Amino acid sequence: MENSNENQEPPVAETPANITVEDVDIDFLPIIYEIIRSLERETLDSNQKPPPASQDVSQRVVELHKKLELAKDQIKRLPGVEYSKEQQLEKLEGLRKQLRLKRDLLLKYRTMCSFDIPK
């Protein structure tokens, strides 16, 4: 029998099924800044000696790539992403219509005469 685990990818960090926009990790700027800073350091160092093979830059690029993949996965899990813009606008209009109807009903029931129930 073949081992079915051979071609499976390693497990990634689980994200909850009910994710919100605030939960999406899109803080890429610090990593990009570090990459640029490392490249600038290499350029300054290369004027004095031959440029070294930069493990630091390649490691940070891999880290940025992983963070981008995680953000893509989180964005795919956001509710409503599977709908087109038109579908989202139609759904929003339907919800607004429901809200107007419910507000009208509440206003109507508030202004109705209260009935006295005999004791």
C-alpha atoms as a PDB file:
ATOM      1  CA  MET A   1       0.000   0.000   0.000  1.00  0.00           C
ATOM      2  CA  GLU A   2       1.163   3.520  -0.756  1.00  0.00           C
ATOM      3  CA  ASN A   3       1.459   6.111   1.922  1.00  0.00           C
ATOM      4  CA  SER A   4      -1.207   8.751   1.224  1.00  0.00           C
ATOM      5  CA  ASN A   5       0.702  11.389   3.210  1.00  0.00           C
ATOM      6  CA  GLU A   6       3.580  11.612   0.733  1.00  0.00           C
ATOM      7  CA  ASN A   7       2.110  14.285  -1.549  1.00  0.00           C
ATOM      8  CA  GLN A   8       0.339  16.316   1.103  1.00  0.00           C
ATOM      9  CA  GLU A   9       1.518  19.816   1.919  1.00  0.00           C
ATOM     10  CA  PRO A  10       2.624  20.593   5.459  1.00  0.00           C
ATOM     11  CA  PRO A  11      -0.148  22.027   7.626  1.00  0.00           C
ATOM     12  CA  VAL A  12      -0.327  25.800   7.733  1.00  0.00           C
ATOM     13  CA  ALA A  13      -1.516  27.901  10.631  1.00  0.00           C
ATOM     14  CA  GLU A  14      -5.245  27.407  10.985  1.00  0.00           C
ATOM     15  CA  THR A  15      -7.387  30.504  10.647  1.00  0.00           C
ATOM     16  CA  PRO A  16     -10.882  30.582  12.070  1.00  0.00           C
ATOM     17  CA  ALA A  17     -13.791  30.053   9.681  1.00  0.00           C
ATOM     18  CA  ASN A  18     -15.528  33.238  10.862  1.00  0.00           C
ATOM     19  CA  ILE A  19     -12.823  35.769  10.126  1.00  0.00           C
ATOM     20  CA  THR A  20     -13.367  39.530  10.082  1.00  0.00           C
ATOM     21  CA  VAL A  21     -11.520  42.256   8.208  1.00  0.00           C
ATOM     22  CA  GLU A  22      -9.776  43.287  11.429  1.00  0.00           C
ATOM     23  CA  ASP A  23      -8.349  39.755  11.766  1.00  0.00           C
ATOM     24  CA  VAL A  24      -6.610  39.800   8.366  1.00  0.00           C
ATOM     25  CA  ASP A  25      -2.868  40.250   8.848  1.00  0.00           C
ATOM     26  CA  ILE A  26      -1.739  42.678   6.131  1.00  0.00           C
ATOM     27  CA  ASP A  27       1.174  44.339   7.909  1.00  0.00           C
ATOM     28  CA  PHE A  28       3.791  43.953   5.169  1.00  0.00           C
ATOM     29  CA  LEU A  29       5.611  47.266   5.500  1.00  0.00           C
ATOM     30  CA  PRO A  30       8.048  46.260   8.275  1.00  0.00           C
ATOM     31  CA  ILE A  31       9.237  43.257   6.250  1.00  0.00           C
ATOM     32  CA  ILE A  32       9.551  45.310   3.060  1.00  0.00           C
ATOM     33  CA  TYR A  33      11.450  47.982   4.991  1.00  0.00           C
ATOM     34  CA  GLU A  34      13.873  45.368   6.334  1.00  0.00           C
ATOM     35  CA  ILE A  35      14.440  43.989   2.823  1.00  0.00           C
ATOM     36  CA  ILE A  36      15.215  47.455   1.460  1.00  0.00           C
ATOM     37  CA  ARG A  37      17.480  48.243   4.409  1.00  0.00           C
ATOM     38  CA  SER A  38      19.395  45.000   3.921  1.00  0.00           C
ATOM     39  CA  LEU A  39      19.814  45.732   0.211  1.00  0.00           C
ATOM     40  CA  GLU A  40      21.092  49.237   0.995  1.00  0.00           C
ATOM     41  CA  ARG A  41      23.598  47.798   3.471  1.00  0.00           C
ATOM     42  CA  GLU A  42      24.802  45.351   0.823  1.00  0.00           C
ATOM     43  CA  THR A  43      25.246  48.183  -1.672  1.00  0.00           C
ATOM     44  CA  LEU A  44      27.294  50.200   0.805  1.00  0.00           C
ATOM     45  CA  ASP A  45      29.376  47.161   1.716  1.00  0.00           C
ATOM     46  CA  SER A  46      29.943  46.227  -1.927  1.00  0.00           C
ATOM     47  CA  ASN A  47      31.867  49.466  -2.501  1.00  0.00           C
ATOM     48  CA  GLN A  48      34.514  48.265  -0.069  1.00  0.00           C
ATOM     49  CA  LYS A  49      34.623  44.538  -0.822  1.00  0.00           C
ATOM     50  CA  PRO A  50      32.995  41.988  -3.156  1.00  0.00           C
ATOM     51  CA  PRO A  51      29.226  41.635  -2.537  1.00  0.00           C
ATOM     52  CA  PRO A  52      28.416  38.721  -0.241  1.00  0.00           C
ATOM     53  CA  ALA A  53      25.635  36.258  -0.969  1.00  0.00           C
ATOM     54  CA  SER A  54      22.868  37.695   1.156  1.00  0.00           C
ATOM     55  CA  GLN A  55      21.113  35.115   3.255  1.00  0.00           C
ATOM     56  CA  ASP A  56      19.394  37.866   5.208  1.00  0.00           C
ATOM     57  CA  VAL A  57      17.639  39.350   2.176  1.00  0.00           C
ATOM     58  CA  SER A  58      16.562  36.001   0.781  1.00  0.00           C
ATOM     59  CA  GLN A  59      15.265  34.944   4.192  1.00  0.00           C
ATOM     60  CA  ARG A  60      13.204  38.139   4.495  1.00  0.00           C
ATOM     61  CA  VAL A  61      11.845  37.691   0.954  1.00  0.00           C
ATOM     62  CA  VAL A  62      10.714  34.165   1.878  1.00  0.00           C
ATOM     63  CA  GLU A  63       9.134  35.569   5.046  1.00  0.00           C
ATOM     64  CA  LEU A  64       7.305  38.218   2.975  1.00  0.00           C
ATOM     65  CA  HIS A  65       6.107  35.563   0.530  1.00  0.00           C
ATOM     66  CA  LYS A  66       4.709  33.432   3.385  1.00  0.00           C
ATOM     67  CA  LYS A  67       2.967  36.454   4.885  1.00  0.00           C
ATOM     68  CA  LEU A  68       1.420  37.323   1.500  1.00  0.00           C
ATOM     69  CA  GLU A  69       0.156  33.748   1.079  1.00  0.00           C
ATOM     70  CA  LEU A  70      -1.355  33.821   4.572  1.00  0.00           C
ATOM     71  CA  ALA A  71      -3.094  37.129   3.800  1.00  0.00           C
ATOM     72  CA  LYS A  72      -4.487  35.695   0.535  1.00  0.00           C
ATOM     73  CA  ASP A  73      -5.855  32.697   2.433  1.00  0.00           C
ATOM     74  CA  GLN A  74      -7.414  34.925   5.100  1.00  0.00           C
ATOM     75  CA  ILE A  75      -9.010  37.195   2.487  1.00  0.00           C
ATOM     76  CA  LYS A  76     -10.541  34.179   0.738  1.00  0.00           C
ATOM     77  CA  ARG A  77     -12.211  33.257   4.056  1.00  0.00           C
ATOM     78  CA  LEU A  78     -13.885  36.657   4.531  1.00  0.00           C
ATOM     79  CA  PRO A  79     -17.675  36.479   4.365  1.00  0.00           C
ATOM     80  CA  GLY A  80     -19.146  37.893   1.157  1.00  0.00           C
ATOM     81  CA  VAL A  81     -15.986  37.652  -0.939  1.00  0.00           C
ATOM     82  CA  GLU A  82     -17.581  34.954  -3.084  1.00  0.00           C
ATOM     83  CA  TYR A  83     -20.203  37.443  -4.346  1.00  0.00           C
ATOM     84  CA  SER A  84     -19.663  39.872  -7.205  1.00  0.00           C
ATOM     85  CA  LYS A  85     -19.918  43.606  -6.641  1.00  0.00           C
ATOM     86  CA  GLU A  86     -23.385  43.666  -8.195  1.00  0.00           C
ATOM     87  CA  GLN A  87     -24.577  40.801  -5.979  1.00  0.00           C
ATOM     88  CA  GLN A  88     -23.220  42.553  -2.899  1.00  0.00           C
ATOM     89  CA  LEU A  89     -24.998  45.793  -3.848  1.00  0.00           C
ATOM     90  CA  GLU A  90     -28.280  43.922  -4.444  1.00  0.00           C
ATOM     91  CA  LYS A  91     -27.994  42.199  -1.075  1.00  0.00           C
ATOM     92  CA  LEU A  92     -27.212  45.520   0.624  1.00  0.00           C
ATOM     93  CA  GLU A  93     -30.260  47.147  -0.988  1.00  0.00           C
ATOM     94  CA  GLY A  94     -32.453  44.234   0.148  1.00  0.00           C
ATOM     95  CA  LEU A  95     -31.178  44.596   3.707  1.00  0.00           C
ATOM     96  CA  ARG A  96     -31.803  48.356   3.635  1.00  0.00           C
ATOM     97  CA  LYS A  97     -35.359  47.725   2.426  1.00  0.00           C
ATOM     98  CA  GLN A  98     -35.942  45.261   5.289  1.00  0.00           C
ATOM     99  CA  LEU A  99     -34.590  47.813   7.747  1.00  0.00           C
ATOM    100  CA  ARG A 100     -36.954  50.510   6.438  1.00  0.00           C
ATOM    101  CA  LEU A 101     -39.941  48.150   6.709  1.00  0.00           C
ATOM    102  CA  LYS A 102     -39.051  47.119  10.255  1.00  0.00           C
ATOM    103  CA  ARG A 103     -38.566  50.739  11.323  1.00  0.00           C
ATOM    104  CA  ASP A 104     -41.950  51.639   9.838  1.00  0.00           C
ATOM    105  CA  LEU A 105     -43.590  48.735  11.698  1.00  0.00           C
ATOM    106  CA  LEU A 106     -41.955  49.765  14.975  1.00  0.00           C
ATOM    107  CA  LEU A 107     -43.128  53.334  14.506  1.00  0.00           C
ATOM    108  CA  LYS A 108     -46.628  52.112  13.665  1.00  0.00           C
ATOM    109  CA  TYR A 109     -46.850  49.889  16.763  1.00  0.00           C
ATOM    110  CA  ARG A 110     -45.504  52.642  19.016  1.00  0.00           C
ATOM    111  CA  THR A 111     -48.189  55.075  17.955  1.00  0.00           C
ATOM    112  CA  MET A 112     -51.038  52.572  18.234  1.00  0.00           C
ATOM    113  CA  CYS A 113     -53.420  52.913  21.126  1.00  0.00           C
ATOM    114  CA  SER A 114     -52.657  50.617  23.960  1.00  0.00           C
ATOM    115  CA  PHE A 115     -55.511  48.373  24.927  1.00  0.00           C
ATOM    116  CA  ASP A 116     -56.494  48.086  28.537  1.00  0.00           C
ATOM    117  CA  ILE A 117     -56.830  44.496  29.546  1.00  0.00           C
ATOM    118  CA  PRO A 118     -59.490  44.042  32.249  1.00  0.00           C
ATOM    119  CA  LYS A 119     -58.238  42.456  35.402  1.00  0.00           C
END
